[in-house]
Full PDB file with SEQRES, HELIX, SHEET, SSBOND, CRYST1, ORIGX, SCALE, CONECT and MASTER records, all heavy atoms in Angstrom:
SEQRES   1 A   30  PHE SER ILE SER ARG ASP VAL THR LYS ASN SER THR TYR          
SEQRES   2 A   30  LEU LEU MET ASN ASN LEU ARG PRO ASP ASP SER ALA ILE          
SEQRES   3 A   30  TYR TYR CYS LYS                                              
HELIX    1 AA1 PRO A   21  ASP A   23  5                                   3    
SHEET    1 AA1 2 SER A   2  ASP A   6  0                                        
SHEET    2 AA1 2 SER A  11  LEU A  15 -1                                        
CRYST1    1.000    1.000    1.000  90.00  90.00  90.00 P 1           1          
ORIGX1      1.000000  0.000000  0.000000        0.00000                         
ORIGX2      0.000000  1.000000  0.000000        0.00000                         
ORIGX3      0.000000  0.000000  1.000000        0.00000                         
SCALE1      1.000000  0.000000  0.000000        0.00000                         
SCALE2      0.000000  1.000000  0.000000        0.00000                         
SCALE3      0.000000  0.000000  1.000000        0.00000                         
ATOM      1  N   PHE A   1      22.142   4.233  -6.819  1.00  0.00           N  
ATOM      2  CA  PHE A   1      23.081   5.385  -6.807  1.00  0.00           C  
ATOM      3  C   PHE A   1      23.584   5.619  -5.448  1.00  0.00           C  
ATOM      4  O   PHE A   1      22.922   5.384  -4.463  1.00  0.00           O  
ATOM      5  CB  PHE A   1      22.406   6.683  -7.420  1.00  0.00           C  
ATOM      6  CG  PHE A   1      22.076   6.614  -8.848  1.00  0.00           C  
ATOM      7  CD1 PHE A   1      22.113   5.434  -9.576  1.00  0.00           C  
ATOM      8  CD2 PHE A   1      21.698   7.831  -9.448  1.00  0.00           C  
ATOM      9  CE1 PHE A   1      21.796   5.464 -10.951  1.00  0.00           C  
ATOM     10  CE2 PHE A   1      21.344   7.839 -10.831  1.00  0.00           C  
ATOM     11  CZ  PHE A   1      21.383   6.675 -11.557  1.00  0.00           C  
ATOM     12  N   SER A   2      24.820   6.190  -5.380  1.00  0.00           N  
ATOM     13  CA  SER A   2      25.435   6.505  -4.148  1.00  0.00           C  
ATOM     14  C   SER A   2      26.215   7.875  -4.308  1.00  0.00           C  
ATOM     15  O   SER A   2      27.012   7.940  -5.226  1.00  0.00           O  
ATOM     16  CB  SER A   2      26.389   5.395  -3.691  1.00  0.00           C  
ATOM     17  OG  SER A   2      27.050   5.742  -2.462  1.00  0.00           O  
ATOM     18  N   ILE A   3      25.890   8.769  -3.378  1.00  0.00           N  
ATOM     19  CA  ILE A   3      26.610  10.053  -3.457  1.00  0.00           C  
ATOM     20  C   ILE A   3      27.582  10.104  -2.285  1.00  0.00           C  
ATOM     21  O   ILE A   3      27.310   9.634  -1.193  1.00  0.00           O  
ATOM     22  CB  ILE A   3      25.576  11.205  -3.378  1.00  0.00           C  
ATOM     23  CG1 ILE A   3      26.217  12.534  -3.559  1.00  0.00           C  
ATOM     24  CG2 ILE A   3      24.827  11.215  -2.088  1.00  0.00           C  
ATOM     25  CD1 ILE A   3      25.246  13.683  -3.825  1.00  0.00           C  
ATOM     26  N   SER A   4      28.775  10.716  -2.573  1.00  0.00           N  
ATOM     27  CA  SER A   4      29.742  10.751  -1.545  1.00  0.00           C  
ATOM     28  C   SER A   4      30.628  12.040  -1.800  1.00  0.00           C  
ATOM     29  O   SER A   4      30.593  12.586  -2.848  1.00  0.00           O  
ATOM     30  CB  SER A   4      30.672   9.515  -1.579  1.00  0.00           C  
ATOM     31  OG  SER A   4      31.350   9.398  -2.838  1.00  0.00           O  
ATOM     32  N   ARG A   5      31.344  12.353  -0.700  1.00  0.00           N  
ATOM     33  CA  ARG A   5      32.208  13.513  -0.762  1.00  0.00           C  
ATOM     34  C   ARG A   5      33.673  13.093  -0.478  1.00  0.00           C  
ATOM     35  O   ARG A   5      33.898  12.220   0.281  1.00  0.00           O  
ATOM     36  CB  ARG A   5      31.812  14.631   0.232  1.00  0.00           C  
ATOM     37  CG  ARG A   5      30.384  15.174  -0.018  1.00  0.00           C  
ATOM     38  CD  ARG A   5      30.146  16.370   0.952  1.00  0.00           C  
ATOM     39  NE  ARG A   5      30.396  15.970   2.335  1.00  0.00           N  
ATOM     40  CZ  ARG A   5      31.259  16.648   3.118  1.00  0.00           C  
ATOM     41  NH1 ARG A   5      31.931  17.702   2.712  1.00  0.00           N  
ATOM     42  NH2 ARG A   5      31.386  16.256   4.374  1.00  0.00           N  
ATOM     43  N   ASP A   6      34.583  13.797  -1.123  1.00  0.00           N  
ATOM     44  CA  ASP A   6      35.975  13.689  -0.808  1.00  0.00           C  
ATOM     45  C   ASP A   6      36.413  15.122  -0.390  1.00  0.00           C  
ATOM     46  O   ASP A   6      36.679  15.950  -1.242  1.00  0.00           O  
ATOM     47  CB  ASP A   6      36.765  13.175  -1.991  1.00  0.00           C  
ATOM     48  CG  ASP A   6      38.241  12.919  -1.645  1.00  0.00           C  
ATOM     49  OD1 ASP A   6      38.719  13.500  -0.695  1.00  0.00           O  
ATOM     50  OD2 ASP A   6      38.835  12.068  -2.317  1.00  0.00           O  
ATOM     51  N   VAL A   7      36.524  15.353   0.859  1.00  0.00           N  
ATOM     52  CA  VAL A   7      36.797  16.670   1.366  1.00  0.00           C  
ATOM     53  C   VAL A   7      38.233  17.116   0.940  1.00  0.00           C  
ATOM     54  O   VAL A   7      38.471  18.287   0.632  1.00  0.00           O  
ATOM     55  CB  VAL A   7      36.663  16.691   2.908  1.00  0.00           C  
ATOM     56  CG1 VAL A   7      37.045  18.070   3.468  1.00  0.00           C  
ATOM     57  CG2 VAL A   7      35.295  16.326   3.323  1.00  0.00           C  
ATOM     58  N   THR A   8      39.186  16.189   0.906  1.00  0.00           N  
ATOM     59  CA  THR A   8      40.507  16.528   0.479  1.00  0.00           C  
ATOM     60  C   THR A   8      40.589  17.043  -0.915  1.00  0.00           C  
ATOM     61  O   THR A   8      41.476  17.881  -1.184  1.00  0.00           O  
ATOM     62  CB  THR A   8      41.459  15.340   0.685  1.00  0.00           C  
ATOM     63  OG1 THR A   8      41.072  14.292  -0.203  1.00  0.00           O  
ATOM     64  CG2 THR A   8      41.429  14.840   2.116  1.00  0.00           C  
ATOM     65  N   LYS A   9      39.723  16.572  -1.816  1.00  0.00           N  
ATOM     66  CA  LYS A   9      39.665  17.041  -3.172  1.00  0.00           C  
ATOM     67  C   LYS A   9      38.611  18.027  -3.391  1.00  0.00           C  
ATOM     68  O   LYS A   9      38.450  18.535  -4.523  1.00  0.00           O  
ATOM     69  CB  LYS A   9      39.519  15.790  -4.084  1.00  0.00           C  
ATOM     70  CG  LYS A   9      40.669  14.749  -4.043  1.00  0.00           C  
ATOM     71  CD  LYS A   9      40.378  13.658  -4.936  1.00  0.00           C  
ATOM     72  CE  LYS A   9      41.508  12.578  -4.904  1.00  0.00           C  
ATOM     73  NZ  LYS A   9      41.283  11.462  -5.767  1.00  0.00           N  
ATOM     74  N   ASN A  10      37.864  18.318  -2.401  1.00  0.00           N  
ATOM     75  CA  ASN A  10      36.638  19.280  -2.575  1.00  0.00           C  
ATOM     76  C   ASN A  10      35.773  18.845  -3.693  1.00  0.00           C  
ATOM     77  O   ASN A  10      35.288  19.666  -4.422  1.00  0.00           O  
ATOM     78  CB  ASN A  10      37.228  20.694  -2.716  1.00  0.00           C  
ATOM     79  CG  ASN A  10      36.147  21.768  -2.523  1.00  0.00           C  
ATOM     80  OD1 ASN A  10      35.265  21.501  -1.722  1.00  0.00           O  
ATOM     81  ND2 ASN A  10      36.213  22.861  -3.220  1.00  0.00           N  
ATOM     82  N   SER A  11      35.568  17.566  -3.777  1.00  0.00           N  
ATOM     83  CA  SER A  11      34.723  17.042  -4.862  1.00  0.00           C  
ATOM     84  C   SER A  11      33.620  16.112  -4.320  1.00  0.00           C  
ATOM     85  O   SER A  11      33.759  15.608  -3.220  1.00  0.00           O  
ATOM     86  CB  SER A  11      35.573  16.238  -5.843  1.00  0.00           C  
ATOM     87  OG  SER A  11      36.572  17.026  -6.435  1.00  0.00           O  
ATOM     88  N   THR A  12      32.565  16.035  -5.100  1.00  0.00           N  
ATOM     89  CA  THR A  12      31.446  15.229  -4.729  1.00  0.00           C  
ATOM     90  C   THR A  12      31.226  14.245  -5.910  1.00  0.00           C  
ATOM     91  O   THR A  12      31.266  14.633  -7.081  1.00  0.00           O  
ATOM     92  CB  THR A  12      30.193  16.034  -4.433  1.00  0.00           C  
ATOM     93  OG1 THR A  12      30.464  16.879  -3.385  1.00  0.00           O  
ATOM     94  CG2 THR A  12      29.035  15.109  -4.062  1.00  0.00           C  
ATOM     95  N   TYR A  13      30.910  13.030  -5.657  1.00  0.00           N  
ATOM     96  CA  TYR A  13      30.812  11.985  -6.642  1.00  0.00           C  
ATOM     97  C   TYR A  13      29.442  11.331  -6.530  1.00  0.00           C  
ATOM     98  O   TYR A  13      28.803  11.216  -5.479  1.00  0.00           O  
ATOM     99  CB  TYR A  13      31.827  10.895  -6.439  1.00  0.00           C  
ATOM    100  CG  TYR A  13      33.266  11.436  -6.427  1.00  0.00           C  
ATOM    101  CD1 TYR A  13      33.860  11.680  -5.174  1.00  0.00           C  
ATOM    102  CD2 TYR A  13      33.957  11.746  -7.601  1.00  0.00           C  
ATOM    103  CE1 TYR A  13      35.139  12.190  -5.122  1.00  0.00           C  
ATOM    104  CE2 TYR A  13      35.223  12.204  -7.506  1.00  0.00           C  
ATOM    105  CZ  TYR A  13      35.785  12.509  -6.310  1.00  0.00           C  
ATOM    106  OH  TYR A  13      37.111  13.024  -6.263  1.00  0.00           O  
ATOM    107  N   LEU A  14      28.937  10.953  -7.710  1.00  0.00           N  
ATOM    108  CA  LEU A  14      27.697  10.252  -7.819  1.00  0.00           C  
ATOM    109  C   LEU A  14      28.030   8.860  -8.542  1.00  0.00           C  
ATOM    110  O   LEU A  14      28.209   8.847  -9.737  1.00  0.00           O  
ATOM    111  CB  LEU A  14      26.605  11.020  -8.604  1.00  0.00           C  
ATOM    112  CG  LEU A  14      25.248  10.328  -8.706  1.00  0.00           C  
ATOM    113  CD1 LEU A  14      24.617  10.227  -7.311  1.00  0.00           C  
ATOM    114  CD2 LEU A  14      24.343  11.065  -9.659  1.00  0.00           C  
ATOM    115  N   LEU A  15      28.060   7.828  -7.718  1.00  0.00           N  
ATOM    116  CA  LEU A  15      28.245   6.481  -8.300  1.00  0.00           C  
ATOM    117  C   LEU A  15      26.875   5.894  -8.717  1.00  0.00           C  
ATOM    118  O   LEU A  15      25.970   5.837  -7.876  1.00  0.00           O  
ATOM    119  CB  LEU A  15      28.861   5.602  -7.301  1.00  0.00           C  
ATOM    120  CG  LEU A  15      29.011   4.135  -7.584  1.00  0.00           C  
ATOM    121  CD1 LEU A  15      29.841   3.904  -8.890  1.00  0.00           C  
ATOM    122  CD2 LEU A  15      29.610   3.318  -6.500  1.00  0.00           C  
ATOM    123  N   MET A  16      26.753   5.691 -10.001  1.00  0.00           N  
ATOM    124  CA  MET A  16      25.516   5.214 -10.549  1.00  0.00           C  
ATOM    125  C   MET A  16      25.714   3.737 -10.957  1.00  0.00           C  
ATOM    126  O   MET A  16      26.407   3.485 -11.966  1.00  0.00           O  
ATOM    127  CB  MET A  16      25.100   6.069 -11.719  1.00  0.00           C  
ATOM    128  CG  MET A  16      25.001   7.597 -11.443  1.00  0.00           C  
ATOM    129  SD  MET A  16      24.386   8.540 -12.802  1.00  0.00           S  
ATOM    130  CE  MET A  16      25.752   8.408 -13.935  1.00  0.00           C  
ATOM    131  N   ASN A  17      25.056   2.868 -10.288  1.00  0.00           N  
ATOM    132  CA  ASN A  17      25.112   1.413 -10.631  1.00  0.00           C  
ATOM    133  C   ASN A  17      23.876   0.945 -11.282  1.00  0.00           C  
ATOM    134  O   ASN A  17      22.800   1.627 -11.143  1.00  0.00           O  
ATOM    135  CB  ASN A  17      25.393   0.650  -9.322  1.00  0.00           C  
ATOM    136  CG  ASN A  17      26.775   0.886  -8.698  1.00  0.00           C  
ATOM    137  OD1 ASN A  17      27.736   0.903  -9.419  1.00  0.00           O  
ATOM    138  ND2 ASN A  17      26.757   0.995  -7.398  1.00  0.00           N  
ATOM    139  N   ASN A  18      23.957  -0.119 -11.938  1.00  0.00           N  
ATOM    140  CA  ASN A  18      22.814  -0.747 -12.615  1.00  0.00           C  
ATOM    141  C   ASN A  18      21.993   0.249 -13.429  1.00  0.00           C  
ATOM    142  O   ASN A  18      20.789   0.372 -13.177  1.00  0.00           O  
ATOM    143  CB  ASN A  18      21.945  -1.418 -11.519  1.00  0.00           C  
ATOM    144  CG  ASN A  18      20.958  -2.411 -12.130  1.00  0.00           C  
ATOM    145  OD1 ASN A  18      21.112  -2.941 -13.241  1.00  0.00           O  
ATOM    146  ND2 ASN A  18      19.857  -2.638 -11.390  1.00  0.00           N  
ATOM    147  N   LEU A  19      22.658   0.960 -14.237  1.00  0.00           N  
ATOM    148  CA  LEU A  19      21.989   2.035 -15.053  1.00  0.00           C  
ATOM    149  C   LEU A  19      20.937   1.387 -16.009  1.00  0.00           C  
ATOM    150  O   LEU A  19      21.139   0.270 -16.449  1.00  0.00           O  
ATOM    151  CB  LEU A  19      23.008   2.823 -15.795  1.00  0.00           C  
ATOM    152  CG  LEU A  19      23.805   3.802 -14.918  1.00  0.00           C  
ATOM    153  CD1 LEU A  19      25.072   4.229 -15.704  1.00  0.00           C  
ATOM    154  CD2 LEU A  19      22.912   4.992 -14.550  1.00  0.00           C  
ATOM    155  N   ARG A  20      19.929   2.158 -16.192  1.00  0.00           N  
ATOM    156  CA  ARG A  20      18.850   1.722 -17.110  1.00  0.00           C  
ATOM    157  C   ARG A  20      18.538   2.920 -18.069  1.00  0.00           C  
ATOM    158  O   ARG A  20      18.883   4.058 -17.798  1.00  0.00           O  
ATOM    159  CB  ARG A  20      17.631   1.256 -16.386  1.00  0.00           C  
ATOM    160  CG  ARG A  20      17.100   2.270 -15.328  1.00  0.00           C  
ATOM    161  CD  ARG A  20      16.221   1.585 -14.358  1.00  0.00           C  
ATOM    162  NE  ARG A  20      15.523   2.517 -13.541  1.00  0.00           N  
ATOM    163  CZ  ARG A  20      14.944   2.253 -12.403  1.00  0.00           C  
ATOM    164  NH1 ARG A  20      14.946   0.971 -11.920  1.00  0.00           N  
ATOM    165  NH2 ARG A  20      14.198   3.145 -11.732  1.00  0.00           N  
ATOM    166  N   PRO A  21      17.849   2.685 -19.113  1.00  0.00           N  
ATOM    167  CA  PRO A  21      17.604   3.739 -20.081  1.00  0.00           C  
ATOM    168  C   PRO A  21      16.904   4.972 -19.584  1.00  0.00           C  
ATOM    169  O   PRO A  21      17.201   6.060 -20.007  1.00  0.00           O  
ATOM    170  CB  PRO A  21      16.705   3.041 -21.187  1.00  0.00           C  
ATOM    171  CG  PRO A  21      17.153   1.602 -21.096  1.00  0.00           C  
ATOM    172  CD  PRO A  21      17.429   1.339 -19.673  1.00  0.00           C  
ATOM    173  N   ASP A  22      16.034   4.791 -18.590  1.00  0.00           N  
ATOM    174  CA  ASP A  22      15.361   6.026 -18.077  1.00  0.00           C  
ATOM    175  C   ASP A  22      16.252   6.863 -17.134  1.00  0.00           C  
ATOM    176  O   ASP A  22      15.850   7.925 -16.678  1.00  0.00           O  
ATOM    177  CB  ASP A  22      14.052   5.664 -17.292  1.00  0.00           C  
ATOM    178  CG  ASP A  22      14.344   4.731 -16.162  1.00  0.00           C  
ATOM    179  OD1 ASP A  22      15.190   3.837 -16.262  1.00  0.00           O  
ATOM    180  OD2 ASP A  22      13.597   4.838 -15.116  1.00  0.00           O  
ATOM    181  N   ASP A  23      17.477   6.412 -16.969  1.00  0.00           N  
ATOM    182  CA  ASP A  23      18.472   7.276 -16.308  1.00  0.00           C  
ATOM    183  C   ASP A  23      19.138   8.259 -17.253  1.00  0.00           C  
ATOM    184  O   ASP A  23      19.902   9.152 -16.770  1.00  0.00           O  
ATOM    185  CB  ASP A  23      19.576   6.410 -15.624  1.00  0.00           C  
ATOM    186  CG  ASP A  23      19.026   5.603 -14.478  1.00  0.00           C  
ATOM    187  OD1 ASP A  23      18.199   6.063 -13.680  1.00  0.00           O  
ATOM    188  OD2 ASP A  23      19.425   4.432 -14.303  1.00  0.00           O  
ATOM    189  N   SER A  24      18.926   8.060 -18.532  1.00  0.00           N  
ATOM    190  CA  SER A  24      19.579   8.878 -19.509  1.00  0.00           C  
ATOM    191  C   SER A  24      19.061  10.366 -19.329  1.00  0.00           C  
ATOM    192  O   SER A  24      17.893  10.643 -19.315  1.00  0.00           O  
ATOM    193  CB  SER A  24      19.222   8.448 -20.888  1.00  0.00           C  
ATOM    194  OG  SER A  24      19.740   7.168 -21.173  1.00  0.00           O  
ATOM    195  N   ALA A  25      20.025  11.226 -19.187  1.00  0.00           N  
ATOM    196  CA  ALA A  25      19.710  12.669 -19.003  1.00  0.00           C  
ATOM    197  C   ALA A  25      21.019  13.466 -18.929  1.00  0.00           C  
ATOM    198  O   ALA A  25      22.106  12.912 -18.977  1.00  0.00           O  
ATOM    199  CB  ALA A  25      18.952  12.877 -17.696  1.00  0.00           C  
ATOM    200  N   ILE A  26      20.840  14.702 -18.872  1.00  0.00           N  
ATOM    201  CA  ILE A  26      21.968  15.649 -18.564  1.00  0.00           C  
ATOM    202  C   ILE A  26      21.939  15.820 -17.051  1.00  0.00           C  
ATOM    203  O   ILE A  26      20.908  16.208 -16.478  1.00  0.00           O  
ATOM    204  CB  ILE A  26      21.890  16.991 -19.272  1.00  0.00           C  
ATOM    205  CG1 ILE A  26      21.933  16.781 -20.764  1.00  0.00           C  
ATOM    206  CG2 ILE A  26      23.032  17.863 -18.841  1.00  0.00           C  
ATOM    207  CD1 ILE A  26      21.742  18.042 -21.598  1.00  0.00           C  
ATOM    208  N   TYR A  27      23.010  15.523 -16.427  1.00  0.00           N  
ATOM    209  CA  TYR A  27      23.135  15.535 -14.975  1.00  0.00           C  
ATOM    210  C   TYR A  27      23.909  16.875 -14.575  1.00  0.00           C  
ATOM    211  O   TYR A  27      24.946  17.160 -15.105  1.00  0.00           O  
ATOM    212  CB  TYR A  27      23.889  14.337 -14.396  1.00  0.00           C  
ATOM    213  CG  TYR A  27      23.054  13.078 -14.440  1.00  0.00           C  
ATOM    214  CD1 TYR A  27      22.742  12.422 -15.580  1.00  0.00           C  
ATOM    215  CD2 TYR A  27      22.548  12.599 -13.277  1.00  0.00           C  
ATOM    216  CE1 TYR A  27      21.952  11.265 -15.613  1.00  0.00           C  
ATOM    217  CE2 TYR A  27      21.761  11.444 -13.238  1.00  0.00           C  
ATOM    218  CZ  TYR A  27      21.460  10.807 -14.381  1.00  0.00           C  
ATOM    219  OH  TYR A  27      20.668   9.696 -14.423  1.00  0.00           O  
ATOM    220  N   TYR A  28      23.267  17.579 -13.679  1.00  0.00           N  
ATOM    221  CA  TYR A  28      23.802  18.828 -13.183  1.00  0.00           C  
ATOM    222  C   TYR A  28      24.153  18.761 -11.746  1.00  0.00           C  
ATOM    223  O   TYR A  28      23.377  18.142 -10.965  1.00  0.00           O  
ATOM    224  CB  TYR A  28      22.799  19.966 -13.384  1.00  0.00           C  
ATOM    225  CG  TYR A  28      22.408  20.207 -14.828  1.00  0.00           C  
ATOM    226  CD1 TYR A  28      21.319  19.531 -15.396  1.00  0.00           C  
ATOM    227  CD2 TYR A  28      23.093  21.125 -15.643  1.00  0.00           C  
ATOM    228  CE1 TYR A  28      20.960  19.744 -16.757  1.00  0.00           C  
ATOM    229  CE2 TYR A  28      22.738  21.326 -16.908  1.00  0.00           C  
ATOM    230  CZ  TYR A  28      21.692  20.649 -17.477  1.00  0.00           C  
ATOM    231  OH  TYR A  28      21.289  20.900 -18.780  1.00  0.00           O  
ATOM    232  N   CYS A  29      25.277  19.365 -11.444  1.00  0.00           N  
ATOM    233  CA  CYS A  29      25.655  19.421  -9.989  1.00  0.00           C  
ATOM    234  C   CYS A  29      25.287  20.836  -9.503  1.00  0.00           C  
ATOM    235  O   CYS A  29      25.587  21.827 -10.173  1.00  0.00           O  
ATOM    236  CB  CYS A  29      27.116  19.182  -9.848  1.00  0.00           C  
ATOM    237  SG  CYS A  29      27.779  19.305  -8.139  1.00  0.00           S  
ATOM    238  N   LYS A  30      24.717  20.927  -8.338  1.00  0.00           N  
ATOM    239  CA  LYS A  30      24.403  22.169  -7.720  1.00  0.00           C  
ATOM    240  C   LYS A  30      24.973  22.181  -6.311  1.00  0.00           C  
ATOM    241  O   LYS A  30      24.677  21.295  -5.566  1.00  0.00           O  
ATOM    242  CB  LYS A  30      22.914  22.487  -7.686  1.00  0.00           C  
ATOM    243  CG  LYS A  30      22.614  23.886  -7.099  1.00  0.00           C  
ATOM    244  CD  LYS A  30      21.103  24.063  -6.926  1.00  0.00           C  
ATOM    245  CE  LYS A  30      20.634  23.435  -5.630  1.00  0.00           C  
ATOM    246  NZ  LYS A  30      19.193  23.805  -5.355  1.00  0.00           N  
TER     247      LYS A  30                                                      
MASTER        0    0    0    1    2    0    0    6  246    1    0    3          
END                                                                             
């Protein structure tokens, strides 16, 4: 996984690569 910010858009992204079944969940941003 890789987390990054885009200040111009005031957004934060979580790039999730090579996902596997144990990654299944509800993901929350805080």
